[in-house]
C-alpha atoms as a PDB file:
ATOM      1  CA  MET A   1     -80.733 -26.286 -83.877  1.00  0.00           C
ATOM      2  CA  ILE A   2     -80.250 -26.576 -80.113  1.00  0.00           C
ATOM      3  CA  LEU A   3     -78.548 -23.644 -78.396  1.00  0.00           C
ATOM      4  CA  MET A   4     -76.506 -24.415 -75.321  1.00  0.00           C
ATOM      5  CA  ALA A   5     -76.350 -22.005 -72.430  1.00  0.00           C
ATOM      6  CA  ALA A   6     -73.088 -20.151 -72.036  1.00  0.00           C
ATOM      7  CA  THR A   7     -70.865 -21.488 -69.292  1.00  0.00           C
ATOM      8  CA  PRO A   8     -68.988 -19.291 -66.804  1.00  0.00           C
ATOM      9  CA  TYR A   9     -65.866 -20.114 -68.820  1.00  0.00           C
ATOM     10  CA  ASP A  10     -67.501 -18.898 -72.035  1.00  0.00           C
ATOM     11  CA  ASP A  11     -68.630 -15.702 -70.302  1.00  0.00           C
ATOM     12  CA  ALA A  12     -65.154 -15.065 -68.878  1.00  0.00           C
ATOM     13  CA  LYS A  13     -63.485 -15.723 -72.232  1.00  0.00           C
ATOM     14  CA  LYS A  14     -65.843 -13.347 -74.028  1.00  0.00           C
ATOM     15  CA  THR A  15     -65.173 -10.656 -71.432  1.00  0.00           C
ATOM     16  CA  ALA A  16     -61.408 -11.221 -71.600  1.00  0.00           C
ATOM     17  CA  GLU A  17     -61.482 -10.747 -75.366  1.00  0.00           C
ATOM     18  CA  THR A  18     -62.663  -7.162 -74.825  1.00  0.00           C
ATOM     19  CA  LEU A  19     -59.588  -6.308 -72.735  1.00  0.00           C
ATOM     20  CA  SER A  20     -56.484  -4.575 -74.037  1.00  0.00           C
ATOM     21  CA  PRO A  21     -53.420  -6.779 -74.567  1.00  0.00           C
ATOM     22  CA  ALA A  22     -51.830  -5.332 -71.416  1.00  0.00           C
ATOM     23  CA  ASP A  23     -54.913  -6.111 -69.331  1.00  0.00           C
ATOM     24  CA  ARG A  24     -55.131  -9.625 -70.808  1.00  0.00           C
ATOM     25  CA  LEU A  25     -51.541 -10.260 -69.767  1.00  0.00           C
ATOM     26  CA  ARG A  26     -52.272  -8.916 -66.303  1.00  0.00           C
ATOM     27  CA  LEU A  27     -55.326 -11.172 -66.041  1.00  0.00           C
ATOM     28  CA  VAL A  28     -53.396 -14.261 -67.141  1.00  0.00           C
ATOM     29  CA  THR A  29     -50.642 -13.474 -64.650  1.00  0.00           C
ATOM     30  CA  ASP A  30     -53.151 -13.124 -61.820  1.00  0.00           C
ATOM     31  CA  LEU A  31     -54.901 -16.373 -62.799  1.00  0.00           C
ATOM     32  CA  LEU A  32     -51.612 -18.267 -62.892  1.00  0.00           C
ATOM     33  CA  LYS A  33     -50.605 -16.906 -59.503  1.00  0.00           C
ATOM     34  CA  GLY A  34     -53.892 -18.230 -58.161  1.00  0.00           C
ATOM     35  CA  LEU A  35     -53.161 -21.716 -59.511  1.00  0.00           C
ATOM     36  CA  ASN A  36     -49.516 -21.906 -58.470  1.00  0.00           C
ATOM     37  CA  GLY A  37     -49.034 -24.462 -55.731  1.00  0.00           C
ATOM     38  CA  GLY A  38     -52.721 -25.013 -55.178  1.00  0.00           C
ATOM     39  CA  ALA A  39     -52.540 -23.894 -51.566  1.00  0.00           C
ATOM     40  CA  GLU A  40     -52.157 -20.649 -49.727  1.00  0.00           C
ATOM     41  CA  GLY A  41     -48.837 -19.934 -48.141  1.00  0.00           C
ATOM     42  CA  GLN A  42     -46.783 -21.867 -50.663  1.00  0.00           C
ATOM     43  CA  PRO A  43     -44.027 -19.831 -52.293  1.00  0.00           C
ATOM     44  CA  LEU A  44     -44.192 -19.072 -55.999  1.00  0.00           C
ATOM     45  CA  ARG A  45     -42.064 -21.470 -58.034  1.00  0.00           C
ATOM     46  CA  SER A  46     -39.973 -20.776 -61.087  1.00  0.00           C
ATOM     47  CA  VAL A  47     -38.886 -23.024 -63.905  1.00  0.00           C
ATOM     48  CA  MET A  48     -35.377 -21.931 -62.944  1.00  0.00           C
ATOM     49  CA  ASP A  49     -35.754 -24.070 -59.808  1.00  0.00           C
ATOM     50  CA  LEU A  50     -35.130 -27.030 -62.137  1.00  0.00           C
ATOM     51  CA  LYS A  51     -31.679 -25.778 -63.162  1.00  0.00           C
ATOM     52  CA  GLY A  52     -29.111 -28.529 -62.761  1.00  0.00           C
ATOM     53  CA  LEU A  53     -31.686 -31.219 -62.028  1.00  0.00           C
ATOM     54  CA  GLY A  54     -30.415 -34.548 -63.368  1.00  0.00           C
ATOM     55  CA  LYS A  55     -27.025 -33.186 -64.418  1.00  0.00           C
ATOM     56  CA  GLU A  56     -25.339 -36.295 -63.064  1.00  0.00           C
ATOM     57  CA  LEU A  57     -27.088 -38.312 -65.777  1.00  0.00           C
ATOM     58  CA  TRP A  58     -25.147 -36.436 -68.455  1.00  0.00           C
ATOM     59  CA  GLN A  59     -21.682 -36.753 -66.904  1.00  0.00           C
ATOM     60  CA  GLY A  60     -19.331 -38.480 -69.320  1.00  0.00           C
ATOM     61  CA  VAL A  61     -21.748 -38.211 -72.269  1.00  0.00           C
ATOM     62  CA  ASP A  62     -20.349 -36.723 -75.472  1.00  0.00           C
ATOM     63  CA  LEU A  63     -23.077 -34.272 -76.451  1.00  0.00           C
ATOM     64  CA  ALA A  64     -22.183 -34.096 -80.160  1.00  0.00           C
ATOM     65  CA  ASP A  65     -22.189 -37.899 -80.406  1.00  0.00           C
ATOM     66  CA  TYR A  66     -25.484 -38.186 -78.524  1.00  0.00           C
ATOM     67  CA  LEU A  67     -27.178 -35.574 -80.710  1.00  0.00           C
ATOM     68  CA  GLY A  68     -25.835 -37.233 -83.860  1.00  0.00           C
ATOM     69  CA  ARG A  69     -27.334 -40.587 -82.840  1.00  0.00           C
ATOM     70  CA  GLU A  70     -30.651 -38.975 -81.918  1.00  0.00           C
ATOM     71  CA  ARG A  71     -30.891 -37.111 -85.204  1.00  0.00           C
ATOM     72  CA  ALA A  72     -30.029 -40.257 -87.138  1.00  0.00           C
ATOM     73  CA  SER A  73     -32.848 -42.120 -85.393  1.00  0.00           C
ATOM     74  CA  TRP A  74     -35.419 -39.589 -86.669  1.00  0.00           C
ATOM     75  CA  ASN A  75     -35.000 -40.901 -90.206  1.00  0.00           C
ATOM     76  CA  GLY A  76     -35.854 -44.434 -89.199  1.00  0.00           C
END
């Protein structure tokens, strides 16, 4: 059997598994903040920034009718 060397990811994951749930959450939050935007100086974004996006596409659409047709299409 060939053993592969642990990667930095494997090492980090193993270390993270020893943390308390609160510290894991804090770590994940910090990691996500580091990835957000990909560049320094960019403001943090929220999924709430998408609120209302594309609402004009739904104007005049009967939601109950639309959902009924969609659900009917699931059964083939």
